[in-house]
C-alpha cells in the first residue's frame, strides 16, 4: 500500500469523527492508531493459528498500523429511508492484529458446532476463511482463502441465515477498508452494510447516488 492510500484512510476517519462530534453523537472510542507489528510476530501467529493472511494485510500491519479503533453511535436523530437501520460505526475497531487469535477461536467454534458440512451450500461459505472482524451479532467478516491467488476477497459470514451471507465487501483488504472508510465505517452488521452494497457487482459501492446521498445526510446539520 502507498502512503497516499493511508492518508486517504486517515482523512476519512477524521472526517466522520468530526461529524460525530459536531452532531454530538455518542463517541464510545476516539481514534486510536496502534503501532505496527513485526514480521516475526506475523509469521508466528500464522504458524500458531494455522491461518492464511494476504500480503496486503501483512503490508498494512507491518508498515502502517497493527490495528485501528474508533466507534460511535448516532444520537438525537434517526436515519431514514434505505439508511434507516444505520446507527453506529466501528464497534470493536476496523482491524486488530492482537485479536486474530480470539477471532479464530470464535470462527472454529462456529464451523465445528454449526457449519461442519462443506458439501452444504450454506455451510461451505464458512470454510477456508480467516476472520478479521467480529460483529456484535456473532457474525464475522473474513478473508476468503479458498481463492487461488494471494489477493483474498473480504466477505461477510452470517451464522443465522442472513441473505447477506457470503457477500463480498472488498476485492482485497485495502479495497475493503477504502470502501468502508469512504462511507464512515458504519457497521459492521450486515444491515448497516446493505444500503451501500451493489448486489450486481457483489461489492460495496465507492461512489454513486447511494454513497452521495448518505454523505449529504451526514453533513446536513
C-alpha atoms as a PDB file:
ATOM      1  CA  UNK A   1       0.000   0.000   0.000  1.00  0.00           C
ATOM      2  CA  UNK A   2       1.243   3.504  -0.732  1.00  0.00           C
ATOM      3  CA  UNK A   3       1.200   6.398   1.724  1.00  0.00           C
ATOM      4  CA  UNK A   4      -1.421   8.212  -0.365  1.00  0.00           C
ATOM      5  CA  UNK A   5      -3.982   5.486   0.367  1.00  0.00           C
ATOM      6  CA  UNK A   6      -3.074   5.523   4.055  1.00  0.00           C
ATOM      7  CA  UNK A   7      -3.550   9.286   4.163  1.00  0.00           C
ATOM      8  CA  UNK A   8      -6.964   8.925   2.470  1.00  0.00           C
ATOM      9  CA  UNK A   9      -7.999   6.422   5.145  1.00  0.00           C
ATOM     10  CA  UNK A  10      -6.887   8.719   7.966  1.00  0.00           C
ATOM     11  CA  UNK A  11      -8.631  11.637   6.312  1.00  0.00           C
ATOM     12  CA  UNK A  12     -11.894   9.697   6.131  1.00  0.00           C
ATOM     13  CA  UNK A  13     -11.647   8.590   9.772  1.00  0.00           C
ATOM     14  CA  UNK A  14     -11.042  12.162  10.853  1.00  0.00           C
ATOM     15  CA  UNK A  15     -13.910  13.363   8.656  1.00  0.00           C
ATOM     16  CA  UNK A  16     -16.517  11.015  10.123  1.00  0.00           C
ATOM     17  CA  UNK A  17     -15.373  11.531  13.714  1.00  0.00           C
ATOM     18  CA  UNK A  18     -15.505  15.287  13.230  1.00  0.00           C
ATOM     19  CA  UNK A  19     -19.110  14.943  12.042  1.00  0.00           C
ATOM     20  CA  UNK A  20     -19.964  12.696  15.001  1.00  0.00           C
ATOM     21  CA  UNK A  21     -18.516  15.212  17.468  1.00  0.00           C
ATOM     22  CA  UNK A  22     -20.181  18.220  15.862  1.00  0.00           C
ATOM     23  CA  UNK A  23     -23.531  16.430  15.872  1.00  0.00           C
ATOM     24  CA  UNK A  24     -22.925  15.399  19.499  1.00  0.00           C
ATOM     25  CA  UNK A  25     -23.242  11.705  18.844  1.00  0.00           C
ATOM     26  CA  UNK A  26     -22.013   9.230  21.454  1.00  0.00           C
ATOM     27  CA  UNK A  27     -18.270   8.741  20.924  1.00  0.00           C
ATOM     28  CA  UNK A  28     -17.581   5.353  22.516  1.00  0.00           C
ATOM     29  CA  UNK A  29     -13.923   5.251  21.463  1.00  0.00           C
ATOM     30  CA  UNK A  30     -11.965   8.047  19.844  1.00  0.00           C
ATOM     31  CA  UNK A  31      -9.479   7.250  17.101  1.00  0.00           C
ATOM     32  CA  UNK A  32      -6.556   5.051  18.135  1.00  0.00           C
ATOM     33  CA  UNK A  33      -3.955   4.009  15.571  1.00  0.00           C
ATOM     34  CA  UNK A  34      -1.925   1.203  17.108  1.00  0.00           C
ATOM     35  CA  UNK A  35       1.783   0.610  16.476  1.00  0.00           C
ATOM     36  CA  UNK A  36       2.946  -1.673  13.706  1.00  0.00           C
ATOM     37  CA  UNK A  37       3.811  -5.302  14.411  1.00  0.00           C
ATOM     38  CA  UNK A  38       6.956  -7.115  13.343  1.00  0.00           C
ATOM     39  CA  UNK A  39       7.194  -9.628  10.539  1.00  0.00           C
ATOM     40  CA  UNK A  40       8.321 -12.134  13.166  1.00  0.00           C
ATOM     41  CA  UNK A  41       5.064 -11.633  15.086  1.00  0.00           C
ATOM     42  CA  UNK A  42       3.092 -12.126  11.888  1.00  0.00           C
ATOM     43  CA  UNK A  43       4.949 -15.302  10.963  1.00  0.00           C
ATOM     44  CA  UNK A  44       4.435 -16.663  14.476  1.00  0.00           C
ATOM     45  CA  UNK A  45       0.680 -16.099  14.560  1.00  0.00           C
ATOM     46  CA  UNK A  46       0.291 -17.598  11.085  1.00  0.00           C
ATOM     47  CA  UNK A  47       2.135 -20.676  12.302  1.00  0.00           C
ATOM     48  CA  UNK A  48       0.405 -20.851  15.699  1.00  0.00           C
ATOM     49  CA  UNK A  49      -3.133 -20.383  14.393  1.00  0.00           C
ATOM     50  CA  UNK A  50      -2.604 -22.227  11.101  1.00  0.00           C
ATOM     51  CA  UNK A  51      -4.156 -19.348   9.159  1.00  0.00           C
ATOM     52  CA  UNK A  52      -3.544 -17.589   5.861  1.00  0.00           C
ATOM     53  CA  UNK A  53      -3.072 -13.822   5.708  1.00  0.00           C
ATOM     54  CA  UNK A  54      -2.881 -11.908   2.411  1.00  0.00           C
ATOM     55  CA  UNK A  55       0.205  -9.848   1.540  1.00  0.00           C
ATOM     56  CA  UNK A  56      -1.701  -6.541   1.514  1.00  0.00           C
ATOM     57  CA  UNK A  57      -2.926  -7.082   5.092  1.00  0.00           C
ATOM     58  CA  UNK A  58       0.585  -8.012   6.210  1.00  0.00           C
ATOM     59  CA  UNK A  59       1.910  -4.884   4.500  1.00  0.00           C
ATOM     60  CA  UNK A  60      -0.580  -2.692   6.375  1.00  0.00           C
ATOM     61  CA  UNK A  61       0.032  -4.159   9.830  1.00  0.00           C
ATOM     62  CA  UNK A  62       3.822  -4.203   9.486  1.00  0.00           C
ATOM     63  CA  UNK A  63       4.252  -0.787   7.847  1.00  0.00           C
ATOM     64  CA  UNK A  64       1.278   1.351   8.928  1.00  0.00           C
ATOM     65  CA  UNK A  65      -0.667   0.013  11.922  1.00  0.00           C
ATOM     66  CA  UNK A  66      -1.366  -3.238  13.727  1.00  0.00           C
ATOM     67  CA  UNK A  67      -4.891  -2.055  14.434  1.00  0.00           C
ATOM     68  CA  UNK A  68      -7.214   0.922  14.164  1.00  0.00           C
ATOM     69  CA  UNK A  69     -10.008   1.579  16.607  1.00  0.00           C
ATOM     70  CA  UNK A  70     -12.836   4.085  16.914  1.00  0.00           C
ATOM     71  CA  UNK A  71     -16.552   3.751  17.487  1.00  0.00           C
ATOM     72  CA  UNK A  72     -19.606   5.920  17.990  1.00  0.00           C
ATOM     73  CA  UNK A  73     -23.386   5.730  17.950  1.00  0.00           C
ATOM     74  CA  UNK A  74     -25.816   8.100  16.258  1.00  0.00           C
ATOM     75  CA  UNK A  75     -27.888  10.010  18.817  1.00  0.00           C
ATOM     76  CA  UNK A  76     -30.630  12.622  18.725  1.00  0.00           C
ATOM     77  CA  UNK A  77     -31.645  11.940  15.120  1.00  0.00           C
ATOM     78  CA  UNK A  78     -32.879   8.918  13.177  1.00  0.00           C
ATOM     79  CA  UNK A  79     -31.647   7.832   9.784  1.00  0.00           C
ATOM     80  CA  UNK A  80     -34.348   7.472   7.145  1.00  0.00           C
ATOM     81  CA  UNK A  81     -35.313   5.513   4.044  1.00  0.00           C
ATOM     82  CA  UNK A  82     -32.835   2.877   2.913  1.00  0.00           C
ATOM     83  CA  UNK A  83     -30.414   4.131   5.596  1.00  0.00           C
ATOM     84  CA  UNK A  84     -32.906   3.766   8.454  1.00  0.00           C
ATOM     85  CA  UNK A  85     -31.100   0.839  10.102  1.00  0.00           C
ATOM     86  CA  UNK A  86     -27.730   2.578  10.259  1.00  0.00           C
ATOM     87  CA  UNK A  87     -26.993   3.553  13.855  1.00  0.00           C
ATOM     88  CA  UNK A  88     -23.303   3.117  14.709  1.00  0.00           C
ATOM     89  CA  UNK A  89     -19.772   2.831  13.396  1.00  0.00           C
ATOM     90  CA  UNK A  90     -16.689   0.892  14.319  1.00  0.00           C
ATOM     91  CA  UNK A  91     -17.896  -1.497  17.037  1.00  0.00           C
ATOM     92  CA  UNK A  92     -14.608  -3.125  18.200  1.00  0.00           C
ATOM     93  CA  UNK A  93     -12.485  -1.413  15.570  1.00  0.00           C
ATOM     94  CA  UNK A  94     -11.580  -1.648  11.910  1.00  0.00           C
ATOM     95  CA  UNK A  95      -8.914  -4.313  12.360  1.00  0.00           C
ATOM     96  CA  UNK A  96      -6.710  -5.641  15.154  1.00  0.00           C
ATOM     97  CA  UNK A  97      -3.724  -7.941  14.823  1.00  0.00           C
ATOM     98  CA  UNK A  98      -3.828  -8.755  18.527  1.00  0.00           C
ATOM     99  CA  UNK A  99      -7.413 -10.035  18.244  1.00  0.00           C
ATOM    100  CA  UNK A 100      -6.737 -12.586  15.492  1.00  0.00           C
ATOM    101  CA  UNK A 101      -6.419 -15.425  17.996  1.00  0.00           C
ATOM    102  CA  UNK A 102      -9.806 -14.757  19.611  1.00  0.00           C
ATOM    103  CA  UNK A 103     -11.419 -14.350  16.213  1.00  0.00           C
ATOM    104  CA  UNK A 104     -10.006 -17.673  15.023  1.00  0.00           C
ATOM    105  CA  UNK A 105     -11.329 -19.360  18.166  1.00  0.00           C
ATOM    106  CA  UNK A 106     -14.826 -17.975  17.532  1.00  0.00           C
ATOM    107  CA  UNK A 107     -14.648 -18.963  13.864  1.00  0.00           C
ATOM    108  CA  UNK A 108     -13.559 -22.522  14.690  1.00  0.00           C
ATOM    109  CA  UNK A 109     -16.399 -22.821  17.185  1.00  0.00           C
ATOM    110  CA  UNK A 110     -18.998 -21.816  14.597  1.00  0.00           C
ATOM    111  CA  UNK A 111     -17.596 -24.182  11.958  1.00  0.00           C
ATOM    112  CA  UNK A 112     -17.272 -27.161  14.278  1.00  0.00           C
ATOM    113  CA  UNK A 113     -20.618 -26.761  16.030  1.00  0.00           C
ATOM    114  CA  UNK A 114     -22.883 -25.446  13.254  1.00  0.00           C
ATOM    115  CA  UNK A 115     -21.281 -25.410   9.805  1.00  0.00           C
ATOM    116  CA  UNK A 116     -19.216 -28.584   9.659  1.00  0.00           C
ATOM    117  CA  UNK A 117     -20.638 -29.927   6.364  1.00  0.00           C
ATOM    118  CA  UNK A 118     -18.610 -28.455   3.461  1.00  0.00           C
ATOM    119  CA  UNK A 119     -20.983 -30.051   0.943  1.00  0.00           C
ATOM    120  CA  UNK A 120     -23.909 -27.931   2.166  1.00  0.00           C
ATOM    121  CA  UNK A 121     -24.253 -24.712   0.165  1.00  0.00           C
ATOM    122  CA  UNK A 122     -24.641 -22.507   3.247  1.00  0.00           C
ATOM    123  CA  UNK A 123     -22.061 -24.310   5.368  1.00  0.00           C
ATOM    124  CA  UNK A 124     -19.338 -24.298   2.723  1.00  0.00           C
ATOM    125  CA  UNK A 125     -19.223 -20.489   2.708  1.00  0.00           C
ATOM    126  CA  UNK A 126     -17.872 -20.722   6.254  1.00  0.00           C
ATOM    127  CA  UNK A 127     -14.974 -22.934   5.185  1.00  0.00           C
ATOM    128  CA  UNK A 128     -11.500 -21.754   4.111  1.00  0.00           C
ATOM    129  CA  UNK A 129     -11.767 -18.340   5.745  1.00  0.00           C
ATOM    130  CA  UNK A 130      -9.595 -16.233   8.050  1.00  0.00           C
ATOM    131  CA  UNK A 131     -11.719 -13.986  10.317  1.00  0.00           C
ATOM    132  CA  UNK A 132     -10.582 -10.378  10.811  1.00  0.00           C
ATOM    133  CA  UNK A 133     -13.582  -8.517  12.283  1.00  0.00           C
ATOM    134  CA  UNK A 134     -16.123  -9.530  14.898  1.00  0.00           C
ATOM    135  CA  UNK A 135     -19.748  -8.407  14.532  1.00  0.00           C
ATOM    136  CA  UNK A 136     -21.825  -7.799  17.672  1.00  0.00           C
ATOM    137  CA  UNK A 137     -24.458 -10.288  16.475  1.00  0.00           C
ATOM    138  CA  UNK A 138     -21.947 -13.156  16.385  1.00  0.00           C
ATOM    139  CA  UNK A 139     -21.292 -12.895  12.656  1.00  0.00           C
ATOM    140  CA  UNK A 140     -17.787 -12.423  11.260  1.00  0.00           C
ATOM    141  CA  UNK A 141     -16.003 -10.622   8.446  1.00  0.00           C
ATOM    142  CA  UNK A 142     -13.231 -12.678   6.925  1.00  0.00           C
ATOM    143  CA  UNK A 143     -10.675 -13.200   4.201  1.00  0.00           C
ATOM    144  CA  UNK A 144     -11.788 -15.763   1.636  1.00  0.00           C
ATOM    145  CA  UNK A 145      -8.732 -18.016   1.439  1.00  0.00           C
ATOM    146  CA  UNK A 146     -10.366 -20.501  -0.935  1.00  0.00           C
ATOM    147  CA  UNK A 147      -9.169 -18.492  -3.946  1.00  0.00           C
ATOM    148  CA  UNK A 148      -6.002 -19.459  -5.820  1.00  0.00           C
ATOM    149  CA  UNK A 149      -4.409 -16.008  -5.741  1.00  0.00           C
ATOM    150  CA  UNK A 150      -2.752 -14.012  -2.958  1.00  0.00           C
ATOM    151  CA  UNK A 151      -5.482 -11.362  -3.199  1.00  0.00           C
ATOM    152  CA  UNK A 152      -8.058 -12.653  -0.720  1.00  0.00           C
ATOM    153  CA  UNK A 153     -11.523 -11.057  -1.037  1.00  0.00           C
ATOM    154  CA  UNK A 154     -13.193  -9.830   2.153  1.00  0.00           C
ATOM    155  CA  UNK A 155     -16.581 -11.471   2.766  1.00  0.00           C
ATOM    156  CA  UNK A 156     -19.395 -11.473   5.305  1.00  0.00           C
ATOM    157  CA  UNK A 157     -20.131 -14.658   7.274  1.00  0.00           C
ATOM    158  CA  UNK A 158     -23.599 -14.929   8.794  1.00  0.00           C
ATOM    159  CA  UNK A 159     -24.432 -17.539  11.440  1.00  0.00           C
ATOM    160  CA  UNK A 160     -28.208 -17.080  11.341  1.00  0.00           C
ATOM    161  CA  UNK A 161     -29.365 -17.329   7.734  1.00  0.00           C
ATOM    162  CA  UNK A 162     -28.950 -13.743   6.571  1.00  0.00           C
ATOM    163  CA  UNK A 163     -29.247 -13.118   2.838  1.00  0.00           C
ATOM    164  CA  UNK A 164     -26.006 -11.159   3.204  1.00  0.00           C
ATOM    165  CA  UNK A 165     -24.111 -14.381   3.950  1.00  0.00           C
ATOM    166  CA  UNK A 166     -21.085 -14.716   1.690  1.00  0.00           C
ATOM    167  CA  UNK A 167     -21.448 -11.243   0.173  1.00  0.00           C
ATOM    168  CA  UNK A 168     -18.190  -9.624  -0.909  1.00  0.00           C
ATOM    169  CA  UNK A 169     -17.250  -6.385   0.835  1.00  0.00           C
ATOM    170  CA  UNK A 170     -13.969  -5.745  -0.954  1.00  0.00           C
ATOM    171  CA  UNK A 171     -11.742  -7.326  -3.577  1.00  0.00           C
ATOM    172  CA  UNK A 172      -8.947  -7.392  -1.003  1.00  0.00           C
ATOM    173  CA  UNK A 173      -8.183  -5.865   2.393  1.00  0.00           C
ATOM    174  CA  UNK A 174      -7.030  -2.474   1.112  1.00  0.00           C
ATOM    175  CA  UNK A 175     -10.019  -2.237  -1.222  1.00  0.00           C
ATOM    176  CA  UNK A 176     -12.413  -3.090   1.634  1.00  0.00           C
ATOM    177  CA  UNK A 177     -11.002  -0.525   4.073  1.00  0.00           C
ATOM    178  CA  UNK A 178     -11.019   2.095   1.305  1.00  0.00           C
ATOM    179  CA  UNK A 179     -14.692   1.453   0.524  1.00  0.00           C
ATOM    180  CA  UNK A 180     -15.747   1.165   4.169  1.00  0.00           C
ATOM    181  CA  UNK A 181     -13.886   4.290   5.285  1.00  0.00           C
ATOM    182  CA  UNK A 182     -15.371   6.252   2.391  1.00  0.00           C
ATOM    183  CA  UNK A 183     -18.864   5.956   3.928  1.00  0.00           C
ATOM    184  CA  UNK A 184     -17.748   6.428   7.534  1.00  0.00           C
ATOM    185  CA  UNK A 185     -17.143   2.822   8.641  1.00  0.00           C
ATOM    186  CA  UNK A 186     -20.759   2.311   9.667  1.00  0.00           C
ATOM    187  CA  UNK A 187     -21.418  -1.277  10.691  1.00  0.00           C
ATOM    188  CA  UNK A 188     -20.185  -3.954  10.772  1.00  0.00           C
ATOM    189  CA  UNK A 189     -23.658  -5.520  10.978  1.00  0.00           C
ATOM    190  CA  UNK A 190     -24.990  -6.760   7.655  1.00  0.00           C
ATOM    191  CA  UNK A 191     -27.997  -4.418   7.678  1.00  0.00           C
ATOM    192  CA  UNK A 192     -25.660  -1.408   8.008  1.00  0.00           C
ATOM    193  CA  UNK A 193     -23.621  -2.557   5.008  1.00  0.00           C
ATOM    194  CA  UNK A 194     -26.644  -3.351   2.836  1.00  0.00           C
ATOM    195  CA  UNK A 195     -27.509   0.220   1.717  1.00  0.00           C
ATOM    196  CA  UNK A 196     -24.029   0.536   0.178  1.00  0.00           C
ATOM    197  CA  UNK A 197     -23.792  -2.934  -1.363  1.00  0.00           C
ATOM    198  CA  UNK A 198     -24.118  -3.383  -5.112  1.00  0.00           C
ATOM    199  CA  UNK A 199     -25.588  -6.855  -5.499  1.00  0.00           C
ATOM    200  CA  UNK A 200     -24.965  -6.969  -9.246  1.00  0.00           C
ATOM    201  CA  UNK A 201     -21.254  -6.369  -8.810  1.00  0.00           C
ATOM    202  CA  UNK A 202     -21.152  -8.024  -5.364  1.00  0.00           C
ATOM    203  CA  UNK A 203     -19.151  -5.255  -3.699  1.00  0.00           C
ATOM    204  CA  UNK A 204     -19.578  -2.191  -1.508  1.00  0.00           C
ATOM    205  CA  UNK A 205     -20.056   0.869  -3.682  1.00  0.00           C
ATOM    206  CA  UNK A 206     -17.341   3.511  -3.705  1.00  0.00           C
ATOM    207  CA  UNK A 207     -19.405   6.228  -5.369  1.00  0.00           C
ATOM    208  CA  UNK A 208     -22.820   6.835  -6.920  1.00  0.00           C
ATOM    209  CA  UNK A 209     -26.185   8.015  -5.618  1.00  0.00           C
ATOM    210  CA  UNK A 210     -26.316   5.752  -2.566  1.00  0.00           C
ATOM    211  CA  UNK A 211     -22.954   6.972  -1.322  1.00  0.00           C
ATOM    212  CA  UNK A 212     -23.539  10.617  -2.267  1.00  0.00           C
ATOM    213  CA  UNK A 213     -26.997  10.775  -0.673  1.00  0.00           C
ATOM    214  CA  UNK A 214     -25.603   9.275   2.515  1.00  0.00           C
ATOM    215  CA  UNK A 215     -22.813  11.852   2.661  1.00  0.00           C
ATOM    216  CA  UNK A 216     -25.362  14.630   2.136  1.00  0.00           C
ATOM    217  CA  UNK A 217     -27.371  13.340   5.106  1.00  0.00           C
ATOM    218  CA  UNK A 218     -24.242  13.145   7.263  1.00  0.00           C
ATOM    219  CA  UNK A 219     -23.344  16.769   6.579  1.00  0.00           C
ATOM    220  CA  UNK A 220     -26.899  18.130   6.839  1.00  0.00           C
ATOM    221  CA  UNK A 221     -26.696  19.708  10.291  1.00  0.00           C
END
